[in-house]
């Protein structure tokens, strides 16, 4: 039986992908083979030596000690795109709420007092204070054309907007999905200079911290609307509030309330609702459960944030899965040790990612224990499994 430790409530639709005749699943599991997690903070946790994989049921992995896991050869999976539709819908809602002044107008209507006739009269007198504008013909700038950014771009085009986007690392898959009418800019600054709305869809890393700052806000269009449903820290909040206060920016819409923004009249802050739908939670759980299962049972890696993508159909009598430091002659040493033991390699796939590499080998006979130990003893091998 494989052991799966759940750190948060994981959708049953995901857990159902792990058959009970092979998997023991629960919040009290010890010596787990894998951990499924949503938002629990794992950096200070004592993790078992038995751990093979962590499945984050969502896109961001800020709560997972990725570098520490990489050093141990533990694969960290996430679920890119599983919550994309949920976030896309919230971005579109945020744009509409900001330009139609939905929040202030709702507060106004809820606080009306008197008879129905008096309320009707006050409504007609007060509605002019909430006049907005429409989306068609306006330009939406998107920074980050991943699963979410592409969906936001295509939806905005369907609403009659012009769309300009930037992503130097856009994948072939996302490029095929992107509407041909979306203009792909050559830089972040090109997008910001042309956009009436700016929507951010990038991870929070050193290069994206304070991506929207005072300098960039200064050359953006007057009355720009900035939407941040990605990560807190991508927008410099003090610079953003200053731009709202001096009239440069029209509105800031985000999923991360703070003391600086939560009561600001030009900020629309939501309580991190991006992926908070039943469908998104189901999709994320299903994706990571499938990925963790395929890794545990077959050694295949898909949607890992720390090891390379490696998938190979099963053949042969046994499979060897090796995570190692990305050094010259690692595959040569592996092949030599297997050859000495009379073990023939039928199929082999080797891929690298930054400082680590991963190799799958299907061999024609079971690997002797002594040979296994010799493989594991190669300098630079982080994790070796016989499957």
Foldseek 3Di string as FASTA:
>chain_A
DAEEAECDDADVLLVVVPDPVHYDYYNPDPLHCEYEYEDAQPPPPDHHLNHAEYEYLADDDPRPPQVVCLLQNHFYFFQPLLLQVLLLVVVVVLVVCQQQVVPVVVVVLVPDDDDPVSSVVVCVVPNVVRDGDALAAFEEEEEDQGNNNQSNQVVSVVRRYAYEYEDPPDDPVSVVSHDPRYHYDDDPLVRQLRHLEYEYADADDPVQFQVPALVSLVNGAFQHEYEYLHDPRSHPLVSVVVCCVVRRHQAYEYADDDPSAPPDSRYHYHPSCRRVDPSSSSSSSNVRSVQVVCCVVPVAHDRTPNADGDDDDDDADKKKKWKFFPDPCLVVVLVVLCVVVVKAWPDKDKDGDPGMIMMMTHIHDDDDPVSVVVNCPPPGTSDMDMD
